[in-house]
N, C-alpha and C. Protein backbone atom coordinates (compact mmCIF):
# COMPACT_ATOMS: atom_id res chain seq x y z
N MET A 1 9.21 -17.95 -19.16
CA MET A 1 9.54 -16.86 -18.25
C MET A 1 8.25 -16.27 -17.70
N ALA A 2 8.22 -16.04 -16.40
CA ALA A 2 7.02 -15.51 -15.74
C ALA A 2 6.80 -14.06 -16.11
N GLN A 3 5.54 -13.74 -16.38
CA GLN A 3 5.10 -12.39 -16.65
C GLN A 3 4.42 -11.89 -15.38
N LEU A 4 4.37 -10.58 -15.20
CA LEU A 4 3.74 -9.99 -14.01
C LEU A 4 2.66 -9.01 -14.43
N ILE A 5 1.55 -9.04 -13.69
CA ILE A 5 0.53 -8.02 -13.84
C ILE A 5 0.09 -7.56 -12.45
N VAL A 6 -0.38 -6.35 -12.42
CA VAL A 6 -0.99 -5.80 -11.21
C VAL A 6 -2.49 -5.72 -11.48
N ILE A 7 -3.25 -6.27 -10.57
CA ILE A 7 -4.71 -6.22 -10.66
C ILE A 7 -5.21 -5.35 -9.52
N SER A 8 -6.00 -4.35 -9.85
CA SER A 8 -6.68 -3.58 -8.81
C SER A 8 -8.17 -3.80 -9.00
N ALA A 9 -8.85 -4.05 -7.91
CA ALA A 9 -10.29 -4.33 -7.97
C ALA A 9 -10.99 -3.67 -6.80
N VAL A 10 -12.14 -3.05 -7.09
CA VAL A 10 -12.95 -2.42 -6.06
C VAL A 10 -14.40 -2.79 -6.32
N GLY A 11 -15.07 -3.23 -5.25
CA GLY A 11 -16.47 -3.57 -5.38
C GLY A 11 -17.17 -3.46 -4.04
N SER A 12 -18.49 -3.52 -4.07
CA SER A 12 -19.26 -3.49 -2.84
C SER A 12 -18.83 -4.65 -1.95
N ASP A 13 -18.59 -4.34 -0.68
CA ASP A 13 -18.12 -5.35 0.26
C ASP A 13 -19.19 -6.41 0.49
N HIS A 14 -18.82 -7.66 0.24
CA HIS A 14 -19.71 -8.77 0.54
C HIS A 14 -18.90 -10.05 0.70
N THR A 15 -19.46 -10.97 1.44
CA THR A 15 -18.80 -12.25 1.66
C THR A 15 -18.58 -12.95 0.33
N GLY A 16 -17.38 -13.47 0.12
CA GLY A 16 -17.07 -14.22 -1.08
C GLY A 16 -16.36 -13.44 -2.16
N LEU A 17 -16.19 -12.14 -1.99
CA LEU A 17 -15.55 -11.33 -3.02
C LEU A 17 -14.10 -11.74 -3.24
N VAL A 18 -13.35 -11.94 -2.17
CA VAL A 18 -11.96 -12.39 -2.29
C VAL A 18 -11.93 -13.78 -2.93
N GLN A 19 -12.82 -14.63 -2.50
CA GLN A 19 -12.89 -15.99 -3.07
C GLN A 19 -13.14 -15.93 -4.57
N ASP A 20 -14.08 -15.09 -5.01
CA ASP A 20 -14.40 -14.99 -6.43
C ASP A 20 -13.18 -14.58 -7.25
N LEU A 21 -12.47 -13.55 -6.79
CA LEU A 21 -11.32 -13.06 -7.55
C LEU A 21 -10.17 -14.06 -7.53
N THR A 22 -9.89 -14.63 -6.38
CA THR A 22 -8.76 -15.56 -6.30
C THR A 22 -9.05 -16.86 -7.04
N LYS A 23 -10.32 -17.23 -7.14
CA LYS A 23 -10.70 -18.43 -7.90
C LYS A 23 -10.38 -18.23 -9.39
N VAL A 24 -10.68 -17.04 -9.89
CA VAL A 24 -10.37 -16.74 -11.30
C VAL A 24 -8.87 -16.80 -11.52
N ILE A 25 -8.11 -16.21 -10.62
CA ILE A 25 -6.65 -16.21 -10.76
C ILE A 25 -6.11 -17.64 -10.76
N LEU A 26 -6.58 -18.45 -9.83
CA LEU A 26 -6.13 -19.84 -9.73
C LEU A 26 -6.54 -20.65 -10.96
N SER A 27 -7.78 -20.49 -11.40
CA SER A 27 -8.26 -21.28 -12.54
C SER A 27 -7.52 -20.93 -13.84
N CYS A 28 -6.95 -19.75 -13.91
CA CYS A 28 -6.19 -19.36 -15.10
C CYS A 28 -4.72 -19.74 -14.97
N GLY A 29 -4.33 -20.29 -13.82
CA GLY A 29 -2.94 -20.68 -13.62
C GLY A 29 -2.06 -19.57 -13.08
N GLY A 30 -2.68 -18.51 -12.57
CA GLY A 30 -1.91 -17.40 -12.02
C GLY A 30 -1.51 -17.66 -10.58
N ASN A 31 -0.48 -16.97 -10.15
CA ASN A 31 0.02 -17.08 -8.78
C ASN A 31 0.08 -15.69 -8.16
N ILE A 32 -0.53 -15.53 -7.00
CA ILE A 32 -0.49 -14.24 -6.30
C ILE A 32 0.85 -14.11 -5.60
N GLU A 33 1.64 -13.14 -6.04
CA GLU A 33 2.97 -12.89 -5.47
C GLU A 33 2.87 -11.99 -4.23
N GLU A 34 2.06 -10.95 -4.34
CA GLU A 34 1.85 -10.01 -3.24
C GLU A 34 0.43 -9.49 -3.34
N SER A 35 -0.13 -9.06 -2.22
CA SER A 35 -1.46 -8.45 -2.27
C SER A 35 -1.71 -7.57 -1.06
N ARG A 36 -2.62 -6.64 -1.24
CA ARG A 36 -3.15 -5.81 -0.17
C ARG A 36 -4.65 -5.80 -0.39
N MET A 37 -5.40 -6.04 0.65
CA MET A 37 -6.86 -6.04 0.56
C MET A 37 -7.43 -5.41 1.83
N THR A 38 -8.46 -4.59 1.65
CA THR A 38 -9.04 -3.92 2.81
C THR A 38 -10.45 -3.42 2.51
N THR A 39 -11.21 -3.24 3.58
CA THR A 39 -12.52 -2.63 3.48
C THR A 39 -12.36 -1.13 3.68
N LEU A 40 -12.95 -0.35 2.77
CA LEU A 40 -12.96 1.11 2.86
C LEU A 40 -14.41 1.54 2.77
N ALA A 41 -14.97 1.97 3.91
CA ALA A 41 -16.40 2.29 4.01
C ALA A 41 -17.18 1.04 3.60
N SER A 42 -18.05 1.12 2.60
CA SER A 42 -18.82 -0.06 2.22
C SER A 42 -18.22 -0.75 0.98
N GLU A 43 -17.02 -0.36 0.63
CA GLU A 43 -16.34 -0.96 -0.52
C GLU A 43 -15.20 -1.86 -0.04
N PHE A 44 -14.85 -2.84 -0.88
CA PHE A 44 -13.70 -3.70 -0.60
C PHE A 44 -12.72 -3.48 -1.73
N ALA A 45 -11.47 -3.16 -1.39
CA ALA A 45 -10.45 -2.86 -2.39
C ALA A 45 -9.34 -3.90 -2.32
N MET A 46 -8.89 -4.32 -3.50
CA MET A 46 -7.83 -5.33 -3.60
C MET A 46 -6.77 -4.85 -4.59
N LEU A 47 -5.53 -5.07 -4.25
CA LEU A 47 -4.41 -4.78 -5.11
C LEU A 47 -3.51 -6.01 -5.08
N LEU A 48 -3.32 -6.64 -6.24
CA LEU A 48 -2.60 -7.91 -6.29
C LEU A 48 -1.53 -7.89 -7.37
N LEU A 49 -0.37 -8.46 -7.07
CA LEU A 49 0.68 -8.71 -8.06
C LEU A 49 0.57 -10.19 -8.40
N VAL A 50 0.30 -10.49 -9.66
CA VAL A 50 0.06 -11.86 -10.10
C VAL A 50 1.09 -12.24 -11.16
N SER A 51 1.63 -13.45 -11.04
CA SER A 51 2.58 -13.94 -12.03
C SER A 51 1.97 -15.11 -12.79
N GLY A 52 2.48 -15.31 -13.99
CA GLY A 52 2.06 -16.42 -14.83
C GLY A 52 2.71 -16.28 -16.19
N ASN A 53 2.50 -17.25 -17.05
CA ASN A 53 3.04 -17.14 -18.40
C ASN A 53 2.11 -16.25 -19.23
N TRP A 54 2.47 -15.98 -20.47
CA TRP A 54 1.68 -15.07 -21.29
C TRP A 54 0.26 -15.60 -21.50
N HIS A 55 0.12 -16.93 -21.62
CA HIS A 55 -1.20 -17.53 -21.81
C HIS A 55 -2.08 -17.32 -20.58
N THR A 56 -1.49 -17.51 -19.39
CA THR A 56 -2.21 -17.29 -18.13
C THR A 56 -2.76 -15.87 -18.07
N LEU A 57 -1.92 -14.91 -18.38
CA LEU A 57 -2.32 -13.52 -18.27
C LEU A 57 -3.37 -13.16 -19.32
N SER A 58 -3.29 -13.76 -20.50
CA SER A 58 -4.30 -13.53 -21.53
C SER A 58 -5.65 -14.07 -21.07
N ARG A 59 -5.66 -15.29 -20.50
CA ARG A 59 -6.90 -15.87 -19.97
C ARG A 59 -7.45 -15.03 -18.82
N LEU A 60 -6.55 -14.55 -17.97
CA LEU A 60 -6.98 -13.73 -16.83
C LEU A 60 -7.74 -12.51 -17.30
N GLU A 61 -7.23 -11.83 -18.31
CA GLU A 61 -7.90 -10.64 -18.81
C GLU A 61 -9.33 -10.96 -19.25
N GLN A 62 -9.51 -12.07 -19.94
CA GLN A 62 -10.84 -12.47 -20.41
C GLN A 62 -11.75 -12.85 -19.25
N ASP A 63 -11.23 -13.68 -18.34
CA ASP A 63 -12.06 -14.15 -17.23
C ASP A 63 -12.39 -13.04 -16.23
N LEU A 64 -11.49 -12.08 -16.07
CA LEU A 64 -11.78 -10.96 -15.17
C LEU A 64 -12.86 -10.07 -15.76
N ASP A 65 -12.95 -10.01 -17.09
CA ASP A 65 -14.05 -9.26 -17.73
C ASP A 65 -15.39 -9.87 -17.33
N LYS A 66 -15.47 -11.19 -17.30
CA LYS A 66 -16.71 -11.88 -16.90
C LYS A 66 -17.03 -11.59 -15.44
N LEU A 67 -16.00 -11.61 -14.60
CA LEU A 67 -16.19 -11.35 -13.16
C LEU A 67 -16.67 -9.92 -12.93
N ARG A 68 -16.17 -8.98 -13.71
CA ARG A 68 -16.60 -7.58 -13.60
C ARG A 68 -18.12 -7.48 -13.69
N GLU A 69 -18.66 -8.16 -14.66
CA GLU A 69 -20.10 -8.09 -14.90
C GLU A 69 -20.90 -8.81 -13.83
N SER A 70 -20.46 -10.01 -13.45
CA SER A 70 -21.25 -10.82 -12.53
C SER A 70 -21.13 -10.36 -11.08
N ALA A 71 -20.02 -9.76 -10.69
CA ALA A 71 -19.81 -9.40 -9.29
C ALA A 71 -19.88 -7.90 -9.03
N ASP A 72 -20.27 -7.11 -10.04
CA ASP A 72 -20.30 -5.65 -9.89
C ASP A 72 -18.98 -5.16 -9.31
N LEU A 73 -17.92 -5.48 -10.04
CA LEU A 73 -16.56 -5.21 -9.60
C LEU A 73 -15.86 -4.35 -10.64
N GLN A 74 -15.18 -3.32 -10.20
CA GLN A 74 -14.34 -2.53 -11.10
C GLN A 74 -12.94 -3.11 -11.04
N VAL A 75 -12.43 -3.55 -12.18
CA VAL A 75 -11.14 -4.22 -12.23
C VAL A 75 -10.24 -3.50 -13.24
N SER A 76 -9.00 -3.30 -12.85
CA SER A 76 -8.00 -2.72 -13.73
C SER A 76 -6.79 -3.65 -13.74
N ILE A 77 -6.22 -3.84 -14.92
CA ILE A 77 -5.06 -4.72 -15.08
C ILE A 77 -3.93 -3.92 -15.71
N LYS A 78 -2.73 -4.09 -15.18
CA LYS A 78 -1.57 -3.41 -15.74
C LYS A 78 -0.39 -4.36 -15.75
N LYS A 79 0.21 -4.54 -16.92
CA LYS A 79 1.42 -5.35 -17.02
C LYS A 79 2.57 -4.59 -16.38
N THR A 80 3.48 -5.33 -15.75
CA THR A 80 4.60 -4.68 -15.08
C THR A 80 5.83 -5.57 -15.18
N ASP A 81 6.95 -5.05 -14.77
CA ASP A 81 8.21 -5.79 -14.74
C ASP A 81 8.64 -5.97 -13.29
N ALA A 82 9.46 -6.98 -13.07
CA ALA A 82 10.01 -7.19 -11.73
C ALA A 82 10.85 -5.98 -11.35
N ARG A 83 10.80 -5.64 -10.11
CA ARG A 83 11.55 -4.48 -9.62
C ARG A 83 12.98 -4.90 -9.33
N SER A 84 13.91 -4.11 -9.80
CA SER A 84 15.31 -4.41 -9.50
C SER A 84 15.63 -3.90 -8.09
N PRO A 85 16.35 -4.71 -7.33
CA PRO A 85 16.65 -4.30 -5.95
C PRO A 85 17.58 -3.08 -5.92
N GLU A 86 17.28 -2.18 -5.00
CA GLU A 86 18.12 -1.00 -4.83
C GLU A 86 19.01 -1.24 -3.62
N GLU A 87 20.27 -1.48 -3.91
CA GLU A 87 21.20 -1.89 -2.85
C GLU A 87 21.63 -0.75 -1.94
N ASP A 88 21.47 0.48 -2.39
CA ASP A 88 21.96 1.59 -1.58
C ASP A 88 20.87 2.21 -0.71
N ARG A 89 19.82 1.45 -0.43
CA ARG A 89 18.72 1.97 0.39
C ARG A 89 18.46 1.05 1.58
N MET A 90 18.12 1.67 2.71
CA MET A 90 17.84 0.94 3.95
C MET A 90 16.39 1.17 4.32
N PRO A 91 15.63 0.09 4.63
CA PRO A 91 14.23 0.28 4.99
C PRO A 91 14.05 0.80 6.43
N TYR A 92 13.13 1.75 6.57
CA TYR A 92 12.80 2.31 7.88
C TYR A 92 11.28 2.27 8.06
N ALA A 93 10.85 2.03 9.28
CA ALA A 93 9.43 2.07 9.63
C ALA A 93 9.13 3.46 10.20
N VAL A 94 8.02 4.04 9.76
CA VAL A 94 7.58 5.34 10.23
C VAL A 94 6.19 5.14 10.82
N ASP A 95 6.02 5.52 12.07
CA ASP A 95 4.71 5.44 12.73
C ASP A 95 4.34 6.82 13.25
N VAL A 96 3.12 7.25 12.93
CA VAL A 96 2.64 8.55 13.36
C VAL A 96 1.22 8.39 13.90
N VAL A 97 0.94 9.07 15.02
CA VAL A 97 -0.40 9.12 15.59
C VAL A 97 -0.66 10.57 15.97
N ALA A 98 -1.89 11.02 15.71
CA ALA A 98 -2.23 12.41 16.03
C ALA A 98 -3.73 12.59 16.04
N LEU A 99 -4.18 13.72 16.58
CA LEU A 99 -5.57 14.11 16.39
C LEU A 99 -5.76 14.26 14.88
N ASP A 100 -6.89 13.79 14.38
CA ASP A 100 -7.13 13.85 12.95
C ASP A 100 -7.15 15.29 12.47
N GLN A 101 -6.40 15.54 11.41
CA GLN A 101 -6.35 16.87 10.80
C GLN A 101 -6.00 16.72 9.33
N GLN A 102 -6.42 17.66 8.53
CA GLN A 102 -6.11 17.61 7.11
C GLN A 102 -4.61 17.76 6.88
N GLY A 103 -4.11 17.06 5.86
CA GLY A 103 -2.74 17.28 5.41
C GLY A 103 -1.68 16.40 6.02
N ILE A 104 -2.03 15.49 6.91
CA ILE A 104 -0.99 14.66 7.54
C ILE A 104 -0.26 13.83 6.49
N VAL A 105 -1.00 13.10 5.68
CA VAL A 105 -0.35 12.22 4.69
C VAL A 105 0.43 13.05 3.68
N PHE A 106 -0.17 14.16 3.22
CA PHE A 106 0.54 15.02 2.26
C PHE A 106 1.86 15.51 2.85
N ASN A 107 1.83 16.03 4.07
CA ASN A 107 3.05 16.58 4.66
C ASN A 107 4.12 15.51 4.88
N LEU A 108 3.71 14.31 5.26
CA LEU A 108 4.68 13.23 5.39
C LEU A 108 5.26 12.86 4.03
N ALA A 109 4.39 12.72 3.03
CA ALA A 109 4.86 12.39 1.68
C ALA A 109 5.79 13.47 1.15
N ASN A 110 5.44 14.72 1.38
CA ASN A 110 6.27 15.84 0.94
C ASN A 110 7.63 15.82 1.63
N PHE A 111 7.63 15.52 2.92
CA PHE A 111 8.88 15.45 3.68
C PHE A 111 9.83 14.42 3.06
N PHE A 112 9.31 13.21 2.82
CA PHE A 112 10.18 12.15 2.29
C PHE A 112 10.55 12.39 0.83
N ALA A 113 9.60 12.83 0.00
CA ALA A 113 9.90 13.07 -1.42
C ALA A 113 10.96 14.16 -1.59
N SER A 114 10.90 15.20 -0.78
CA SER A 114 11.87 16.30 -0.90
C SER A 114 13.29 15.86 -0.53
N ARG A 115 13.42 14.70 0.08
CA ARG A 115 14.73 14.17 0.47
C ARG A 115 15.12 12.94 -0.36
N ASN A 116 14.37 12.69 -1.43
CA ASN A 116 14.60 11.53 -2.31
C ASN A 116 14.49 10.21 -1.54
N ILE A 117 13.59 10.19 -0.57
CA ILE A 117 13.34 8.97 0.20
C ILE A 117 12.07 8.34 -0.36
N GLU A 118 12.22 7.10 -0.82
CA GLU A 118 11.11 6.39 -1.45
C GLU A 118 10.13 5.86 -0.42
N ILE A 119 8.84 6.08 -0.66
CA ILE A 119 7.80 5.49 0.18
C ILE A 119 7.43 4.16 -0.44
N ALA A 120 7.62 3.07 0.30
CA ALA A 120 7.36 1.72 -0.21
C ALA A 120 5.97 1.23 0.17
N ASP A 121 5.45 1.67 1.30
CA ASP A 121 4.17 1.17 1.78
C ASP A 121 3.56 2.20 2.73
N VAL A 122 2.25 2.36 2.65
CA VAL A 122 1.53 3.29 3.54
C VAL A 122 0.21 2.66 3.95
N ALA A 123 -0.10 2.74 5.22
CA ALA A 123 -1.42 2.35 5.72
C ALA A 123 -1.86 3.43 6.70
N THR A 124 -3.11 3.87 6.56
CA THR A 124 -3.64 4.87 7.48
C THR A 124 -4.96 4.38 8.04
N SER A 125 -5.32 4.92 9.20
CA SER A 125 -6.63 4.61 9.75
C SER A 125 -7.08 5.76 10.64
N ARG A 126 -8.38 5.85 10.76
CA ARG A 126 -9.01 6.86 11.61
C ARG A 126 -9.80 6.10 12.67
N TYR A 127 -9.72 6.55 13.92
CA TYR A 127 -10.40 5.87 15.01
C TYR A 127 -10.68 6.86 16.13
N ALA A 128 -11.51 6.46 17.06
CA ALA A 128 -11.83 7.31 18.21
C ALA A 128 -10.88 7.00 19.36
N ALA A 129 -10.38 8.04 20.01
CA ALA A 129 -9.48 7.87 21.16
C ALA A 129 -10.23 7.11 22.27
N ALA A 130 -9.49 6.29 23.00
CA ALA A 130 -10.08 5.39 23.98
C ALA A 130 -10.95 6.09 25.03
N HIS A 131 -10.44 7.09 25.70
CA HIS A 131 -11.18 7.69 26.82
C HIS A 131 -12.01 8.92 26.43
N THR A 132 -11.51 9.67 25.44
CA THR A 132 -12.18 10.92 25.10
C THR A 132 -13.09 10.82 23.88
N GLY A 133 -12.83 9.83 23.03
CA GLY A 133 -13.60 9.70 21.80
C GLY A 133 -13.15 10.66 20.72
N ALA A 134 -12.06 11.40 20.96
CA ALA A 134 -11.56 12.36 19.97
C ALA A 134 -11.14 11.63 18.70
N PRO A 135 -11.35 12.25 17.53
CA PRO A 135 -10.97 11.60 16.27
C PRO A 135 -9.45 11.56 16.13
N MET A 136 -8.92 10.36 16.02
CA MET A 136 -7.47 10.15 15.90
C MET A 136 -7.14 9.63 14.51
N PHE A 137 -5.88 9.80 14.11
CA PHE A 137 -5.42 9.36 12.80
C PHE A 137 -4.05 8.71 12.98
N SER A 138 -3.88 7.55 12.39
CA SER A 138 -2.57 6.89 12.48
C SER A 138 -2.05 6.58 11.08
N VAL A 139 -0.75 6.64 10.95
CA VAL A 139 -0.07 6.35 9.69
C VAL A 139 1.07 5.39 9.98
N GLN A 140 1.15 4.33 9.20
CA GLN A 140 2.29 3.43 9.26
C GLN A 140 2.88 3.40 7.85
N MET A 141 4.17 3.67 7.77
CA MET A 141 4.85 3.70 6.47
C MET A 141 6.11 2.86 6.53
N THR A 142 6.50 2.38 5.37
CA THR A 142 7.84 1.85 5.18
C THR A 142 8.48 2.74 4.13
N VAL A 143 9.63 3.28 4.47
CA VAL A 143 10.37 4.14 3.53
C VAL A 143 11.74 3.54 3.31
N ASN A 144 12.31 3.80 2.13
CA ASN A 144 13.64 3.32 1.79
C ASN A 144 14.57 4.51 1.71
N VAL A 145 15.48 4.59 2.67
CA VAL A 145 16.36 5.74 2.81
C VAL A 145 17.68 5.48 2.08
N PRO A 146 18.06 6.36 1.14
CA PRO A 146 19.34 6.19 0.44
C PRO A 146 20.52 6.27 1.42
N SER A 147 21.57 5.56 1.09
CA SER A 147 22.75 5.55 1.96
C SER A 147 23.41 6.93 2.02
N SER A 148 23.12 7.80 1.08
CA SER A 148 23.71 9.14 1.07
C SER A 148 23.06 10.07 2.10
N ILE A 149 21.93 9.67 2.67
CA ILE A 149 21.22 10.49 3.65
C ILE A 149 21.85 10.28 5.03
N HIS A 150 22.09 11.39 5.72
CA HIS A 150 22.56 11.32 7.10
C HIS A 150 21.32 11.07 7.97
N VAL A 151 21.20 9.84 8.49
CA VAL A 151 19.97 9.40 9.15
C VAL A 151 19.66 10.23 10.40
N ALA A 152 20.66 10.54 11.20
CA ALA A 152 20.40 11.33 12.42
C ALA A 152 19.81 12.69 12.08
N GLN A 153 20.33 13.34 11.04
CA GLN A 153 19.81 14.64 10.62
C GLN A 153 18.39 14.49 10.08
N MET A 154 18.14 13.44 9.28
CA MET A 154 16.80 13.20 8.75
C MET A 154 15.81 12.99 9.88
N ARG A 155 16.21 12.22 10.90
CA ARG A 155 15.33 11.99 12.05
C ARG A 155 15.02 13.30 12.76
N ASP A 156 16.05 14.11 12.98
CA ASP A 156 15.84 15.40 13.65
C ASP A 156 14.84 16.26 12.87
N GLU A 157 15.00 16.31 11.56
CA GLU A 157 14.09 17.09 10.72
C GLU A 157 12.67 16.50 10.75
N PHE A 158 12.58 15.16 10.79
CA PHE A 158 11.28 14.51 10.89
C PHE A 158 10.60 14.88 12.21
N TYR A 159 11.36 14.83 13.30
CA TYR A 159 10.79 15.18 14.61
C TYR A 159 10.40 16.66 14.66
N ASP A 160 11.14 17.52 13.96
CA ASP A 160 10.75 18.94 13.86
C ASP A 160 9.41 19.07 13.16
N LEU A 161 9.22 18.33 12.06
CA LEU A 161 7.94 18.34 11.35
C LEU A 161 6.82 17.86 12.27
N CYS A 162 7.09 16.78 13.01
CA CYS A 162 6.08 16.26 13.95
C CYS A 162 5.72 17.31 15.00
N ASP A 163 6.71 18.01 15.52
CA ASP A 163 6.44 19.06 16.50
C ASP A 163 5.60 20.18 15.90
N GLU A 164 5.93 20.59 14.66
CA GLU A 164 5.19 21.67 14.00
C GLU A 164 3.72 21.29 13.79
N MET A 165 3.48 20.02 13.48
CA MET A 165 2.12 19.57 13.15
C MET A 165 1.40 18.92 14.33
N ASN A 166 2.07 18.87 15.49
CA ASN A 166 1.53 18.23 16.68
C ASN A 166 1.23 16.74 16.42
N LEU A 167 2.23 16.05 15.87
CA LEU A 167 2.15 14.62 15.59
C LEU A 167 3.06 13.88 16.56
N ASP A 168 2.65 12.70 16.94
CA ASP A 168 3.52 11.81 17.72
C ASP A 168 4.08 10.83 16.70
N GLY A 169 5.39 10.94 16.42
CA GLY A 169 5.96 10.09 15.37
C GLY A 169 7.30 9.49 15.75
N VAL A 170 7.63 8.41 15.07
CA VAL A 170 8.89 7.72 15.29
C VAL A 170 9.37 7.15 13.95
N VAL A 171 10.70 7.13 13.77
CA VAL A 171 11.34 6.52 12.60
C VAL A 171 12.37 5.55 13.14
N GLU A 172 12.24 4.28 12.74
CA GLU A 172 13.16 3.24 13.22
C GLU A 172 13.61 2.36 12.06
N ALA A 173 14.87 1.96 12.09
CA ALA A 173 15.38 1.03 11.07
C ALA A 173 14.67 -0.29 11.20
N ILE A 174 14.41 -0.91 10.06
CA ILE A 174 13.80 -2.24 10.04
C ILE A 174 14.93 -3.26 9.94
N THR A 175 15.01 -4.12 10.93
CA THR A 175 16.04 -5.16 10.93
C THR A 175 15.38 -6.52 10.89
N ASN A 176 15.98 -7.41 10.16
CA ASN A 176 15.40 -8.75 10.06
C ASN A 176 16.12 -9.72 10.95
């Protein structure tokens, strides 16, 4: 039976860092199920869900210790279980763009948490506006809305929050 672990790794950004980590995973017989990797300032951050048998995961722990030392990498490992599907939830995409200001992510998280809406994924970025160079902030989220939520009312309340904070936002159902 396959075991699951989550590996989080952060290290100075340099060519070959992803190769080094994925080589260790492969050589131990692990399989990357899901991952997120990105550059944050001068650091490179990786979050991976890896599957394998108990022997694979035991070897991974040992070999990742060696990689920590040789690659100046901070690595954390956590055993986890497969997530059971929640049938009463519908995925929605949330996109927000605004002038950069403190509290955008907190207020969005607070909005969804107070309604028992699960945040499944978040990506944010800061950039300069095309013509003015003003500091802009964008948020892309995937949220899972329970079937008990009246979606039209939730959208109206979301748009009210966007108006209060001067955010340009949209919530749309994700269809496959």
